Amino acid sequence: MTSQSADTLRSRYVAQAASDLKENRRRQQELAEKIAMLKQEEALLADILNLAQRYEDFADPSRLPEQAQDEPVVTKAKPAPAGAAPRRPAPTKAAPAGKAAKAGAQGKSHQPLLGNLLAGLLGNHNEPRLAKELREELLEKHPDRTPTPQVVRNTLESLVAKGRIQRLKQQRSVMYTLVKPTGGEETAD
């Protein structure tokens, strides 16, 4: 073998190794992004499970915290750490907290909860629906509500955790259907 052919062969190996290294690094970056996304999804799912476990002890679904908007929140509020900015403005001293909360609720038009809207939309259909279809129907029927697709999916998963709707998987699609009460018995969530 001549030195020229050895140099040509060596340069081919170097070029191939450089190309392989570049592809390897690209795939590593792609996998790192997927891992980051999966970690975010894991945290979200853990939060959903925590919420489901926290509220599974409520026997009366009408008493869930999401529906207790007319009650004063003062008893449930945690004291803010020293130097921390408050998350929402404190009610004025002219009116007690309960009256201020009711006045604020009356000042705004009361919007139904997203979960209740989605459950209502599911109740209008006899067949399972995709989250995307439910979001499109929600945007059509309630143009003032514009939740992101992720918020709709999270809300649906929350309803699954509460037992209000059922999740069905068909290949790679996830569909949802309303849980119908059986035998006229009331179920506790």
Protein backbone atom coordinates (compact mmCIF):
# COMPACT_ATOMS: atom_id res chain seq x y z
CA MET A 1 0.00 0.00 0.00
CA THR A 2 1.38 3.38 -0.93
CA SER A 3 1.57 6.28 1.45
CA GLN A 4 -0.91 8.20 -0.69
CA SER A 5 -3.54 5.45 -0.49
CA ALA A 6 -2.93 5.14 3.27
CA ASP A 7 -3.47 8.89 3.64
CA THR A 8 -6.69 8.65 1.60
CA LEU A 9 -7.91 5.72 3.69
CA ARG A 10 -7.00 7.57 6.93
CA SER A 11 -8.82 10.72 5.78
CA ARG A 12 -11.92 8.62 4.99
CA TYR A 13 -11.82 7.10 8.47
CA VAL A 14 -11.39 10.53 10.04
CA ALA A 15 -14.28 11.96 8.00
CA GLN A 16 -16.49 8.98 8.87
CA ALA A 17 -15.58 9.22 12.58
CA ALA A 18 -16.28 12.99 12.57
CA SER A 19 -19.64 12.38 10.88
CA ASP A 20 -20.52 9.61 13.35
CA LEU A 21 -19.49 11.81 16.28
CA LYS A 22 -21.66 14.66 15.00
CA GLU A 23 -24.66 12.30 14.61
CA ASN A 24 -24.03 10.83 18.08
CA ARG A 25 -24.03 14.28 19.67
CA ARG A 26 -27.21 15.24 17.78
CA ARG A 27 -28.95 12.10 19.06
CA GLN A 28 -27.70 12.78 22.61
CA GLN A 29 -29.16 16.30 22.44
CA GLU A 30 -32.46 14.92 21.14
CA LEU A 31 -32.61 12.37 23.95
CA ALA A 32 -31.70 15.00 26.54
CA GLU A 33 -34.63 17.13 25.35
CA LYS A 34 -36.94 14.10 25.53
CA ILE A 35 -35.71 13.32 29.05
CA ALA A 36 -36.36 16.92 30.12
CA MET A 37 -39.87 16.73 28.67
CA LEU A 38 -40.51 13.41 30.41
CA LYS A 39 -39.31 14.86 33.72
CA GLN A 40 -41.76 17.76 33.35
CA GLU A 41 -44.53 15.30 32.53
CA GLU A 42 -43.55 13.20 35.56
CA ALA A 43 -43.79 16.25 37.83
CA LEU A 44 -47.19 17.14 36.37
CA LEU A 45 -48.50 13.61 36.83
CA ALA A 46 -47.19 13.51 40.40
CA ASP A 47 -49.02 16.79 41.09
CA ILE A 48 -52.23 15.33 39.65
CA LEU A 49 -51.88 12.24 41.84
CA ASN A 50 -51.21 14.39 44.91
CA LEU A 51 -54.33 16.44 44.21
CA ALA A 52 -56.38 13.30 43.66
CA GLN A 53 -55.18 11.82 46.95
CA ARG A 54 -55.77 15.07 48.80
CA TYR A 55 -59.39 15.35 47.69
CA GLU A 56 -60.44 11.69 47.66
CA ASP A 57 -61.57 11.96 51.29
CA PHE A 58 -64.28 14.49 50.44
CA ALA A 59 -67.61 12.66 50.62
CA ASP A 60 -69.74 15.50 49.24
CA PRO A 61 -68.53 16.67 45.80
CA SER A 62 -70.31 20.00 46.21
CA ARG A 63 -67.89 20.85 49.04
CA LEU A 64 -64.70 20.54 47.01
CA PRO A 65 -62.48 23.60 47.45
CA GLU A 66 -62.84 24.59 43.80
CA GLN A 67 -66.53 25.33 44.46
CA ALA A 68 -66.15 27.19 47.75
CA GLN A 69 -65.71 30.62 46.16
CA ASP A 70 -68.24 32.47 48.31
CA GLU A 71 -66.56 31.52 51.58
CA PRO A 72 -63.77 33.62 53.09
CA VAL A 73 -60.32 32.22 52.40
CA VAL A 74 -58.77 33.74 55.51
CA THR A 75 -59.01 30.54 57.59
CA LYS A 76 -57.09 28.54 54.98
CA ALA A 77 -54.44 31.15 54.15
CA LYS A 78 -50.88 30.42 55.19
CA PRO A 79 -48.83 33.28 56.61
CA ALA A 80 -46.38 34.66 54.08
CA PRO A 81 -42.68 34.38 54.88
CA ALA A 82 -41.05 37.58 56.10
CA GLY A 83 -40.16 39.85 53.21
CA ALA A 84 -42.25 37.90 50.68
CA ALA A 85 -44.65 39.81 48.48
CA PRO A 86 -48.31 38.81 48.90
CA ARG A 87 -49.76 36.75 46.05
CA ARG A 88 -52.98 38.74 45.89
CA PRO A 89 -53.97 42.05 47.39
CA ALA A 90 -55.45 41.92 50.86
CA PRO A 91 -59.07 43.01 51.22
CA THR A 92 -59.61 46.57 52.31
CA LYS A 93 -60.23 47.24 55.99
CA ALA A 94 -63.55 48.91 55.19
CA ALA A 95 -65.24 45.54 54.57
CA PRO A 96 -64.69 42.19 56.27
CA ALA A 97 -62.93 39.52 54.20
CA GLY A 98 -66.13 37.55 53.54
CA LYS A 99 -68.00 40.59 52.24
CA ALA A 100 -65.04 41.66 50.10
CA ALA A 101 -64.82 38.18 48.57
CA LYS A 102 -68.55 38.19 47.79
CA ALA A 103 -68.37 41.69 46.35
CA GLY A 104 -65.46 40.63 44.15
CA ALA A 105 -67.37 37.57 42.99
CA GLN A 106 -70.43 39.70 42.20
CA GLY A 107 -68.30 42.23 40.33
CA LYS A 108 -67.09 39.54 37.96
CA SER A 109 -69.40 37.34 35.98
CA HIS A 110 -69.26 33.90 37.59
CA GLN A 111 -67.67 31.52 35.13
CA PRO A 112 -68.25 27.81 35.52
CA LEU A 113 -65.19 25.73 36.30
CA LEU A 114 -63.34 24.28 33.32
CA GLY A 115 -63.81 20.75 34.67
CA ASN A 116 -67.58 21.25 34.87
CA LEU A 117 -67.68 22.61 31.31
CA LEU A 118 -65.66 19.67 29.96
CA ALA A 119 -67.81 17.15 31.86
CA GLY A 120 -70.90 18.83 30.44
CA LEU A 121 -69.51 18.60 26.91
CA LEU A 122 -68.70 14.92 27.44
CA GLY A 123 -72.27 14.37 28.70
CA ASN A 124 -73.59 15.57 25.33
CA HIS A 125 -71.88 12.67 23.53
CA ASN A 126 -72.46 8.94 23.74
CA GLU A 127 -69.05 8.05 22.34
CA PRO A 128 -65.57 8.77 23.75
CA ARG A 129 -63.97 12.07 22.71
CA LEU A 130 -60.38 13.20 22.20
CA ALA A 131 -59.06 16.07 24.32
CA LYS A 132 -58.47 18.01 21.10
CA GLU A 133 -62.11 17.59 20.06
CA LEU A 134 -63.33 18.69 23.49
CA ARG A 135 -61.09 21.77 23.40
CA GLU A 136 -62.37 22.72 19.94
CA GLU A 137 -65.98 22.28 21.09
CA LEU A 138 -65.25 24.31 24.23
CA LEU A 139 -63.72 27.16 22.17
CA GLU A 140 -66.75 27.11 19.89
CA LYS A 141 -69.38 27.10 22.65
CA HIS A 142 -67.47 29.29 25.13
CA PRO A 143 -65.36 31.77 23.13
CA ASP A 144 -64.47 33.62 26.35
CA ARG A 145 -62.60 30.52 27.55
CA THR A 146 -59.29 29.84 25.80
CA PRO A 147 -57.43 27.14 27.70
CA THR A 148 -54.33 25.66 26.13
CA PRO A 149 -54.43 22.04 24.96
CA GLN A 150 -52.24 21.09 27.94
CA VAL A 151 -54.63 22.74 30.42
CA VAL A 152 -57.54 20.82 28.87
CA ARG A 153 -55.61 17.53 29.13
CA ASN A 154 -54.60 18.28 32.74
CA THR A 155 -58.20 19.12 33.66
CA LEU A 156 -59.44 15.93 32.01
CA GLU A 157 -56.85 13.89 33.90
CA SER A 158 -57.95 15.58 37.11
CA LEU A 159 -61.54 14.53 36.37
CA VAL A 160 -60.30 10.97 35.74
CA ALA A 161 -58.54 11.03 39.12
CA LYS A 162 -61.79 12.16 40.76
CA GLY A 163 -63.72 9.37 39.04
CA ARG A 164 -66.00 11.76 37.16
CA ILE A 165 -64.81 10.69 33.71
CA GLN A 166 -63.11 7.62 32.28
CA ARG A 167 -59.94 7.43 30.16
CA LEU A 168 -59.84 5.04 27.21
CA LYS A 169 -56.68 4.31 25.23
CA GLN A 170 -56.92 3.24 21.61
CA GLN A 171 -53.48 2.67 20.10
CA ARG A 172 -51.76 6.04 20.61
CA SER A 173 -54.94 8.04 21.20
CA VAL A 174 -56.40 8.83 24.60
CA MET A 175 -60.14 9.38 24.68
CA TYR A 176 -62.47 10.41 27.49
CA THR A 177 -66.06 9.58 28.32
CA LEU A 178 -68.37 10.64 31.13
CA VAL A 179 -68.92 8.13 33.95
CA LYS A 180 -72.65 7.51 34.15
CA PRO A 181 -74.12 6.83 37.61
CA THR A 182 -75.54 3.31 37.83
CA GLY A 183 -78.81 2.23 39.44
CA GLY A 184 -79.77 5.74 40.56
CA GLU A 185 -77.35 5.59 43.49
CA GLU A 186 -75.36 8.65 44.35
CA THR A 187 -71.63 8.09 44.35
CA ALA A 188 -69.19 9.85 46.61
CA ASP A 189 -66.12 11.32 44.92
